N, C-alpha and C. Protein backbone atom coordinates (compact mmCIF):
# COMPACT_ATOMS: atom_id res chain seq x y z
N MET A 1 113.19 76.92 90.25
CA MET A 1 112.54 78.19 90.01
C MET A 1 113.24 78.87 88.83
N ASP A 2 112.51 79.33 87.88
CA ASP A 2 113.02 80.02 86.71
C ASP A 2 113.60 81.37 87.14
N LYS A 3 114.83 81.68 86.69
CA LYS A 3 115.48 82.93 87.10
C LYS A 3 114.69 84.17 86.68
N LYS A 4 114.13 84.11 85.47
CA LYS A 4 113.36 85.26 84.97
C LYS A 4 112.15 85.54 85.85
N LYS A 5 111.43 84.49 86.24
CA LYS A 5 110.26 84.65 87.12
C LYS A 5 110.69 85.14 88.49
N GLY A 6 111.82 84.65 88.98
CA GLY A 6 112.33 85.09 90.27
C GLY A 6 112.65 86.57 90.29
N TRP A 7 113.31 87.05 89.23
CA TRP A 7 113.63 88.48 89.15
C TRP A 7 112.37 89.31 89.01
N LEU A 8 111.39 88.82 88.24
CA LEU A 8 110.12 89.54 88.08
C LEU A 8 109.42 89.70 89.43
N LEU A 9 109.34 88.61 90.21
CA LEU A 9 108.71 88.69 91.51
C LEU A 9 109.48 89.62 92.44
N LEU A 10 110.81 89.54 92.42
CA LEU A 10 111.63 90.39 93.26
C LEU A 10 111.43 91.87 92.92
N LEU A 11 111.38 92.19 91.63
CA LEU A 11 111.17 93.58 91.22
C LEU A 11 109.78 94.08 91.62
N LEU A 12 108.78 93.21 91.49
CA LEU A 12 107.42 93.60 91.88
C LEU A 12 107.35 93.84 93.39
N LEU A 13 107.91 92.95 94.17
CA LEU A 13 107.91 93.13 95.63
C LEU A 13 108.67 94.38 96.03
N LEU A 14 109.79 94.64 95.38
CA LEU A 14 110.59 95.83 95.67
C LEU A 14 109.79 97.10 95.34
N ALA A 15 109.08 97.08 94.22
CA ALA A 15 108.27 98.25 93.83
C ALA A 15 107.19 98.52 94.86
N VAL A 16 106.55 97.47 95.37
CA VAL A 16 105.51 97.64 96.37
C VAL A 16 106.10 98.18 97.67
N VAL A 17 107.23 97.63 98.09
CA VAL A 17 107.87 98.09 99.32
C VAL A 17 108.31 99.54 99.19
N LEU A 18 108.91 99.92 98.08
CA LEU A 18 109.37 101.29 97.90
C LEU A 18 108.23 102.28 97.79
N SER A 19 107.05 101.80 97.35
CA SER A 19 105.91 102.70 97.25
C SER A 19 105.33 103.04 98.62
N GLY A 20 105.74 102.29 99.64
CA GLY A 20 105.24 102.54 100.99
C GLY A 20 103.87 101.94 101.23
N ALA A 21 103.41 101.08 100.34
CA ALA A 21 102.05 100.54 100.43
C ALA A 21 101.96 99.29 101.28
N VAL A 22 103.04 98.77 101.79
CA VAL A 22 102.99 97.50 102.50
C VAL A 22 102.64 97.70 103.97
N THR A 23 101.64 96.98 104.42
CA THR A 23 101.32 96.88 105.83
C THR A 23 101.38 95.40 106.16
N VAL A 24 102.45 94.95 106.74
CA VAL A 24 102.63 93.53 106.97
C VAL A 24 101.68 93.05 108.06
N GLY A 25 100.88 92.04 107.72
CA GLY A 25 100.01 91.41 108.70
C GLY A 25 98.65 92.06 108.89
N ALA A 26 98.39 93.21 108.30
CA ALA A 26 97.09 93.85 108.45
C ALA A 26 96.89 94.81 107.30
N GLY A 27 95.65 94.96 106.87
CA GLY A 27 95.36 95.90 105.81
C GLY A 27 95.24 95.22 104.47
N PRO A 28 95.29 96.00 103.41
CA PRO A 28 95.04 95.45 102.08
C PRO A 28 96.20 94.66 101.50
N ILE A 29 97.40 94.79 102.06
CA ILE A 29 98.56 94.09 101.51
C ILE A 29 99.28 93.34 102.63
N ASP A 30 99.50 92.05 102.40
CA ASP A 30 100.29 91.24 103.33
C ASP A 30 101.48 90.69 102.57
N LEU A 31 102.65 90.91 103.10
CA LEU A 31 103.89 90.46 102.49
C LEU A 31 104.39 89.24 103.26
N TYR A 32 104.54 88.14 102.56
CA TYR A 32 105.04 86.90 103.13
C TYR A 32 106.42 86.63 102.52
N PRO A 33 107.26 85.84 103.17
CA PRO A 33 108.55 85.50 102.55
C PRO A 33 108.38 84.79 101.20
N GLN A 34 107.26 84.07 101.03
CA GLN A 34 107.03 83.31 99.79
C GLN A 34 106.18 84.06 98.77
N GLY A 35 105.64 85.22 99.09
CA GLY A 35 104.79 85.90 98.13
C GLY A 35 104.05 87.09 98.71
N LEU A 36 103.01 87.50 97.99
CA LEU A 36 102.27 88.71 98.30
C LEU A 36 100.78 88.43 98.20
N LEU A 37 100.00 88.94 99.16
CA LEU A 37 98.55 88.83 99.18
C LEU A 37 97.99 90.24 99.19
N VAL A 38 97.14 90.57 98.22
CA VAL A 38 96.59 91.92 98.10
C VAL A 38 95.07 91.84 98.04
N LEU A 39 94.39 92.55 98.94
CA LEU A 39 92.94 92.65 98.92
C LEU A 39 92.54 93.93 98.19
N SER A 40 91.50 93.85 97.37
CA SER A 40 91.06 95.02 96.61
C SER A 40 90.43 96.08 97.51
N SER A 41 89.98 95.67 98.70
CA SER A 41 89.33 96.61 99.61
C SER A 41 89.44 96.10 101.03
N THR A 42 89.37 97.01 101.98
CA THR A 42 89.33 96.60 103.39
C THR A 42 87.92 96.69 103.95
N LEU A 43 86.96 97.08 103.11
CA LEU A 43 85.58 97.23 103.55
C LEU A 43 84.64 96.69 102.48
N VAL A 44 83.71 95.83 102.89
CA VAL A 44 82.69 95.32 101.99
C VAL A 44 81.34 95.74 102.54
N SER A 45 80.56 96.43 101.74
CA SER A 45 79.22 96.87 102.16
C SER A 45 78.18 96.06 101.41
N PHE A 46 77.14 95.65 102.14
CA PHE A 46 76.03 94.95 101.52
C PHE A 46 75.02 95.99 101.08
N GLY A 47 74.38 95.75 99.96
CA GLY A 47 73.42 96.71 99.41
C GLY A 47 72.07 96.62 100.08
N ASP A 48 71.04 96.87 99.30
CA ASP A 48 69.67 96.86 99.80
C ASP A 48 69.19 95.43 100.01
N LEU A 49 68.15 95.31 100.82
CA LEU A 49 67.53 94.02 101.08
C LEU A 49 66.96 93.46 99.78
N LYS A 50 67.24 92.18 99.53
CA LYS A 50 66.72 91.49 98.35
C LYS A 50 65.86 90.32 98.83
N SER A 51 64.94 89.90 98.00
CA SER A 51 64.12 88.73 98.35
C SER A 51 63.84 87.92 97.10
N GLU A 52 63.69 86.62 97.31
CA GLU A 52 63.34 85.69 96.24
C GLU A 52 62.16 84.87 96.72
N PRO A 53 61.20 84.62 95.84
CA PRO A 53 59.94 83.96 96.26
C PRO A 53 60.04 82.44 96.33
N PHE A 54 61.08 81.91 96.98
CA PHE A 54 61.17 80.46 97.16
C PHE A 54 60.19 80.05 98.24
N ASP A 55 60.12 78.75 98.49
CA ASP A 55 59.29 78.25 99.57
C ASP A 55 60.20 77.58 100.58
N PRO A 56 60.58 78.17 101.69
CA PRO A 56 60.14 79.48 102.18
C PRO A 56 60.87 80.61 101.46
N PRO A 57 60.31 81.82 101.52
CA PRO A 57 60.95 82.96 100.86
C PRO A 57 62.35 83.22 101.44
N LEU A 58 63.23 83.74 100.61
CA LEU A 58 64.61 84.02 101.00
C LEU A 58 64.84 85.52 100.98
N GLU A 59 65.26 86.07 102.13
CA GLU A 59 65.61 87.48 102.21
C GLU A 59 67.08 87.58 102.58
N TYR A 60 67.78 88.50 101.92
CA TYR A 60 69.22 88.60 102.15
C TYR A 60 69.76 89.94 101.68
N PHE A 61 70.94 90.24 102.17
CA PHE A 61 71.75 91.36 101.67
C PHE A 61 72.90 90.74 100.90
N GLU A 62 73.23 91.31 99.75
CA GLU A 62 74.25 90.68 98.90
C GLU A 62 75.27 91.71 98.41
N ALA A 63 76.50 91.26 98.34
CA ALA A 63 77.60 92.06 97.77
C ALA A 63 78.27 91.18 96.72
N GLU A 64 77.88 91.38 95.46
CA GLU A 64 78.42 90.56 94.38
C GLU A 64 79.78 91.10 93.92
N ASP A 65 80.69 90.16 93.64
CA ASP A 65 82.06 90.51 93.23
C ASP A 65 82.61 91.61 94.14
N ALA A 66 82.45 91.43 95.43
CA ALA A 66 82.77 92.46 96.41
C ALA A 66 84.25 92.54 96.76
N LEU A 67 84.96 91.44 96.60
CA LEU A 67 86.35 91.42 97.03
C LEU A 67 87.19 90.64 96.03
N ASN A 68 88.23 91.29 95.54
CA ASN A 68 89.19 90.63 94.65
C ASN A 68 90.46 90.40 95.46
N ILE A 69 90.91 89.18 95.47
CA ILE A 69 92.13 88.83 96.21
C ILE A 69 93.20 88.46 95.19
N HIS A 70 94.29 89.22 95.20
CA HIS A 70 95.39 89.00 94.27
C HIS A 70 96.52 88.30 95.02
N ILE A 71 97.03 87.23 94.44
CA ILE A 71 98.11 86.46 95.05
C ILE A 71 99.25 86.40 94.07
N ILE A 72 100.44 86.75 94.54
CA ILE A 72 101.63 86.67 93.70
C ILE A 72 102.65 85.80 94.43
N THR A 73 103.00 84.68 93.83
CA THR A 73 103.98 83.77 94.41
C THR A 73 104.53 82.86 93.33
N LEU A 74 105.75 82.43 93.51
CA LEU A 74 106.36 81.48 92.58
C LEU A 74 106.15 80.05 93.06
N PHE A 75 105.52 79.90 94.23
CA PHE A 75 105.30 78.58 94.80
C PHE A 75 103.91 78.08 94.45
N ARG A 76 103.77 76.79 94.24
CA ARG A 76 102.49 76.20 93.89
C ARG A 76 101.76 75.68 95.13
N ASP A 77 102.48 75.41 96.19
CA ASP A 77 101.90 74.82 97.38
C ASP A 77 101.51 75.92 98.37
N TRP A 78 100.30 76.46 98.21
CA TRP A 78 99.79 77.49 99.11
C TRP A 78 98.30 77.27 99.32
N GLN A 79 97.77 77.85 100.39
CA GLN A 79 96.34 77.83 100.67
C GLN A 79 95.92 79.21 101.16
N LEU A 80 94.73 79.62 100.77
CA LEU A 80 94.15 80.87 101.23
C LEU A 80 93.05 80.53 102.22
N LEU A 81 93.16 81.07 103.43
CA LEU A 81 92.20 80.79 104.50
C LEU A 81 91.33 82.02 104.76
N MET A 82 90.08 81.76 105.17
CA MET A 82 89.16 82.83 105.52
C MET A 82 88.49 82.46 106.85
N SER A 83 88.38 83.45 107.73
CA SER A 83 87.64 83.27 108.98
C SER A 83 86.98 84.60 109.31
N GLY A 84 86.10 84.60 110.31
CA GLY A 84 85.43 85.84 110.65
C GLY A 84 84.79 85.79 112.02
N THR A 85 84.22 86.92 112.39
CA THR A 85 83.51 87.06 113.65
C THR A 85 82.02 87.17 113.36
N ASP A 86 81.21 86.98 114.40
CA ASP A 86 79.77 87.19 114.25
C ASP A 86 79.51 88.66 113.96
N PHE A 87 78.38 88.97 113.35
CA PHE A 87 77.98 90.35 113.09
C PHE A 87 77.37 90.93 114.36
N ARG A 88 77.78 92.15 114.71
CA ARG A 88 77.30 92.77 115.95
C ARG A 88 76.79 94.18 115.68
N SER A 89 75.73 94.52 116.42
CA SER A 89 75.21 95.88 116.47
C SER A 89 74.86 96.12 117.92
N GLY A 90 75.78 96.77 118.65
CA GLY A 90 75.59 96.91 120.09
C GLY A 90 75.58 95.53 120.74
N ALA A 91 74.51 95.21 121.46
CA ALA A 91 74.39 93.91 122.12
C ALA A 91 73.76 92.85 121.21
N ASP A 92 73.26 93.26 120.05
CA ASP A 92 72.59 92.33 119.14
C ASP A 92 73.62 91.62 118.26
N LEU A 93 73.28 90.39 117.88
CA LEU A 93 74.22 89.55 117.16
C LEU A 93 73.53 88.79 116.03
N ILE A 94 74.20 88.67 114.90
CA ILE A 94 73.80 87.78 113.81
C ILE A 94 74.95 86.80 113.64
N PRO A 95 74.69 85.49 113.78
CA PRO A 95 75.77 84.50 113.68
C PRO A 95 76.46 84.52 112.31
N LEU A 96 77.76 84.30 112.32
CA LEU A 96 78.54 84.28 111.08
C LEU A 96 78.03 83.23 110.11
N GLN A 97 77.43 82.13 110.62
CA GLN A 97 76.93 81.07 109.74
C GLN A 97 75.82 81.54 108.80
N GLN A 98 75.24 82.72 109.06
CA GLN A 98 74.23 83.26 108.15
C GLN A 98 74.87 83.94 106.95
N LEU A 99 76.19 84.13 107.00
CA LEU A 99 76.92 84.69 105.86
C LEU A 99 77.28 83.55 104.92
N GLU A 100 77.05 83.78 103.64
CA GLU A 100 77.43 82.82 102.61
C GLU A 100 78.44 83.50 101.69
N TRP A 101 79.30 82.70 101.07
CA TRP A 101 80.32 83.23 100.18
C TRP A 101 80.42 82.34 98.94
N LYS A 102 80.93 82.92 97.87
CA LYS A 102 81.19 82.11 96.68
C LYS A 102 82.29 82.76 95.86
N LYS A 103 83.02 81.91 95.16
CA LYS A 103 83.99 82.39 94.18
C LYS A 103 83.23 82.59 92.88
N GLN A 104 83.77 83.41 92.01
CA GLN A 104 83.12 83.70 90.74
C GLN A 104 82.83 82.40 89.99
N GLY A 105 81.57 82.24 89.56
CA GLY A 105 81.16 81.07 88.82
C GLY A 105 80.71 79.90 89.68
N ASP A 106 80.83 80.00 91.01
CA ASP A 106 80.44 78.92 91.92
C ASP A 106 79.08 79.22 92.54
N PHE A 107 78.67 78.33 93.45
CA PHE A 107 77.45 78.50 94.21
C PHE A 107 77.80 78.97 95.62
N TYR A 108 76.84 79.60 96.29
CA TYR A 108 77.07 80.07 97.65
C TYR A 108 77.27 78.90 98.62
N LYS A 109 78.19 79.12 99.57
CA LYS A 109 78.48 78.15 100.64
C LYS A 109 78.36 78.90 101.97
N LYS A 110 77.84 78.22 102.98
CA LYS A 110 77.71 78.83 104.31
C LYS A 110 79.07 78.93 104.97
N MET A 111 79.27 80.02 105.70
CA MET A 111 80.48 80.18 106.50
C MET A 111 80.44 79.21 107.68
N LYS A 112 81.63 78.86 108.15
CA LYS A 112 81.74 78.08 109.38
C LYS A 112 81.49 79.01 110.57
N ALA A 113 81.46 78.45 111.76
CA ALA A 113 81.23 79.25 112.97
C ALA A 113 82.34 80.28 113.14
N ALA A 114 82.02 81.34 113.86
CA ALA A 114 82.98 82.42 114.13
C ALA A 114 84.27 81.84 114.69
N GLY A 115 85.40 82.31 114.17
CA GLY A 115 86.70 81.87 114.64
C GLY A 115 87.24 80.64 113.93
N SER A 116 86.41 79.94 113.17
CA SER A 116 86.85 78.76 112.43
C SER A 116 87.39 79.17 111.07
N GLU A 117 88.53 78.62 110.70
CA GLU A 117 89.12 78.92 109.39
C GLU A 117 88.65 77.90 108.37
N GLU A 118 88.52 78.37 107.14
CA GLU A 118 88.26 77.44 106.06
C GLU A 118 89.12 77.79 104.86
N VAL A 119 89.54 76.76 104.14
CA VAL A 119 90.36 76.94 102.95
C VAL A 119 89.42 77.34 101.82
N ILE A 120 89.68 78.50 101.21
CA ILE A 120 88.82 78.95 100.11
C ILE A 120 89.52 78.87 98.75
N ALA A 121 90.83 78.67 98.75
CA ALA A 121 91.56 78.50 97.49
C ALA A 121 92.88 77.81 97.78
N LYS A 122 93.36 77.05 96.78
CA LYS A 122 94.65 76.36 96.88
C LYS A 122 95.41 76.58 95.59
N GLY A 123 96.72 76.63 95.70
CA GLY A 123 97.54 76.80 94.52
C GLY A 123 97.33 75.72 93.48
N GLU A 124 97.07 74.51 93.93
CA GLU A 124 96.88 73.40 92.99
C GLU A 124 95.62 73.57 92.14
N ASP A 125 94.69 74.43 92.58
CA ASP A 125 93.45 74.67 91.82
C ASP A 125 93.66 75.66 90.67
N TYR A 126 94.82 76.31 90.64
CA TYR A 126 95.09 77.34 89.64
C TYR A 126 96.31 76.92 88.83
N PRO A 127 96.17 76.76 87.52
CA PRO A 127 97.24 76.19 86.71
C PRO A 127 98.35 77.16 86.29
N TRP A 128 98.28 78.42 86.67
CA TRP A 128 99.28 79.36 86.18
C TRP A 128 100.11 79.93 87.32
N LEU A 129 101.28 80.40 86.98
CA LEU A 129 102.20 81.05 87.92
C LEU A 129 102.61 82.37 87.33
N PRO A 130 102.99 83.37 88.02
CA PRO A 130 103.04 83.54 89.47
C PRO A 130 101.86 84.32 90.03
N TYR A 131 100.82 84.59 89.21
CA TYR A 131 99.73 85.47 89.63
C TYR A 131 98.42 84.71 89.69
N TYR A 132 97.67 84.92 90.77
CA TYR A 132 96.38 84.26 90.96
C TYR A 132 95.36 85.32 91.37
N LEU A 133 94.11 85.14 90.96
CA LEU A 133 93.03 86.07 91.31
C LEU A 133 91.85 85.27 91.83
N VAL A 134 91.37 85.63 93.02
CA VAL A 134 90.20 85.01 93.61
C VAL A 134 89.16 86.10 93.80
N ASP A 135 88.02 85.99 93.09
CA ASP A 135 86.92 86.96 93.20
C ASP A 135 85.84 86.39 94.11
N LEU A 136 85.47 87.14 95.15
CA LEU A 136 84.48 86.66 96.11
C LEU A 136 83.23 87.53 96.14
N SER A 137 82.09 86.86 96.30
CA SER A 137 80.81 87.50 96.55
C SER A 137 80.32 87.02 97.91
N PHE A 138 79.51 87.86 98.57
CA PHE A 138 78.99 87.51 99.89
C PHE A 138 77.48 87.77 99.93
N ARG A 139 76.80 86.97 100.75
CA ARG A 139 75.36 87.13 100.93
C ARG A 139 75.03 86.84 102.39
N LEU A 140 74.38 87.79 103.07
CA LEU A 140 73.95 87.62 104.45
C LEU A 140 72.46 87.27 104.44
N VAL A 141 72.16 86.00 104.74
CA VAL A 141 70.78 85.49 104.68
C VAL A 141 70.09 85.76 106.01
N LEU A 142 68.89 86.29 105.94
CA LEU A 142 68.12 86.63 107.14
C LEU A 142 67.17 85.50 107.51
N THR A 143 66.98 85.31 108.82
CA THR A 143 66.05 84.28 109.30
C THR A 143 64.72 84.88 109.72
N GLY A 144 64.67 86.21 109.88
CA GLY A 144 63.46 86.87 110.35
C GLY A 144 63.52 87.20 111.83
N ASN A 145 64.56 86.72 112.52
CA ASN A 145 64.71 86.97 113.95
C ASN A 145 65.71 88.08 114.26
N GLU A 146 66.25 88.71 113.25
CA GLU A 146 67.27 89.74 113.46
C GLU A 146 66.64 91.04 113.96
N VAL A 147 67.34 91.70 114.86
CA VAL A 147 66.94 93.01 115.36
C VAL A 147 67.53 94.05 114.40
N PRO A 148 66.73 95.00 113.91
CA PRO A 148 67.28 96.02 112.99
C PRO A 148 68.43 96.79 113.65
N GLY A 149 69.41 97.16 112.83
CA GLY A 149 70.55 97.91 113.34
C GLY A 149 71.65 97.97 112.29
N TYR A 150 72.75 98.60 112.64
CA TYR A 150 73.92 98.68 111.77
C TYR A 150 74.92 97.65 112.27
N TYR A 151 75.06 96.57 111.53
CA TYR A 151 75.90 95.45 111.95
C TYR A 151 77.24 95.48 111.23
N GLY A 152 78.23 94.98 111.90
CA GLY A 152 79.55 94.86 111.30
C GLY A 152 80.27 93.64 111.84
N ASN A 153 81.27 93.18 111.12
CA ASN A 153 82.10 92.07 111.58
C ASN A 153 83.49 92.23 111.01
N THR A 154 84.38 91.36 111.40
CA THR A 154 85.74 91.37 110.89
C THR A 154 86.02 90.04 110.22
N MET A 155 86.51 90.11 108.99
CA MET A 155 86.92 88.91 108.25
C MET A 155 88.43 88.92 108.17
N THR A 156 89.03 87.74 108.25
CA THR A 156 90.47 87.60 108.17
C THR A 156 90.84 86.66 107.03
N PHE A 157 91.76 87.11 106.18
CA PHE A 157 92.26 86.29 105.07
C PHE A 157 93.75 86.07 105.31
N SER A 158 94.16 84.82 105.24
CA SER A 158 95.56 84.48 105.50
C SER A 158 96.03 83.48 104.45
N MET A 159 97.30 83.56 104.14
CA MET A 159 97.92 82.56 103.26
C MET A 159 98.82 81.68 104.09
N ILE A 160 98.80 80.39 103.77
CA ILE A 160 99.77 79.49 104.37
C ILE A 160 100.49 78.76 103.25
N PHE A 161 101.71 78.42 103.54
CA PHE A 161 102.56 77.68 102.60
C PHE A 161 102.98 76.41 103.32
N PRO A 162 102.15 75.34 103.21
CA PRO A 162 102.42 74.10 103.97
C PRO A 162 103.76 73.47 103.59
């Protein structure tokens, strides 16, 4: 590890800790022994209903570039995991698999079932150190069987250093 990079990371982590902005394990900032994970927001809202005239037609709610995930680490061997719960409005439910996600410049991918983790980024996919940025968009695709309501879910982002 380069001493200059080590001191830079140490000073950055110290500045964040002294600012009082760290909430370890929950919230927009997670501090790990190997680095720092920062979410741009703790809430993502989907906009108005959109539709595309495919066969069959596609109706969805979309949040483009909704979440920026900042990763600071001097280690190259890391993975960013994402998991979530089904969407709920009272007793009504929309399965998490109807949510799609994509990184900037990619195509939408369906989420796995509620509670299942998936790797959405790896250190080996990013050629630079010590800062990484993952921009995510989300789209909730409707099947036509959903009951109207105000739905919400919880998404979890975690870093692992295998």
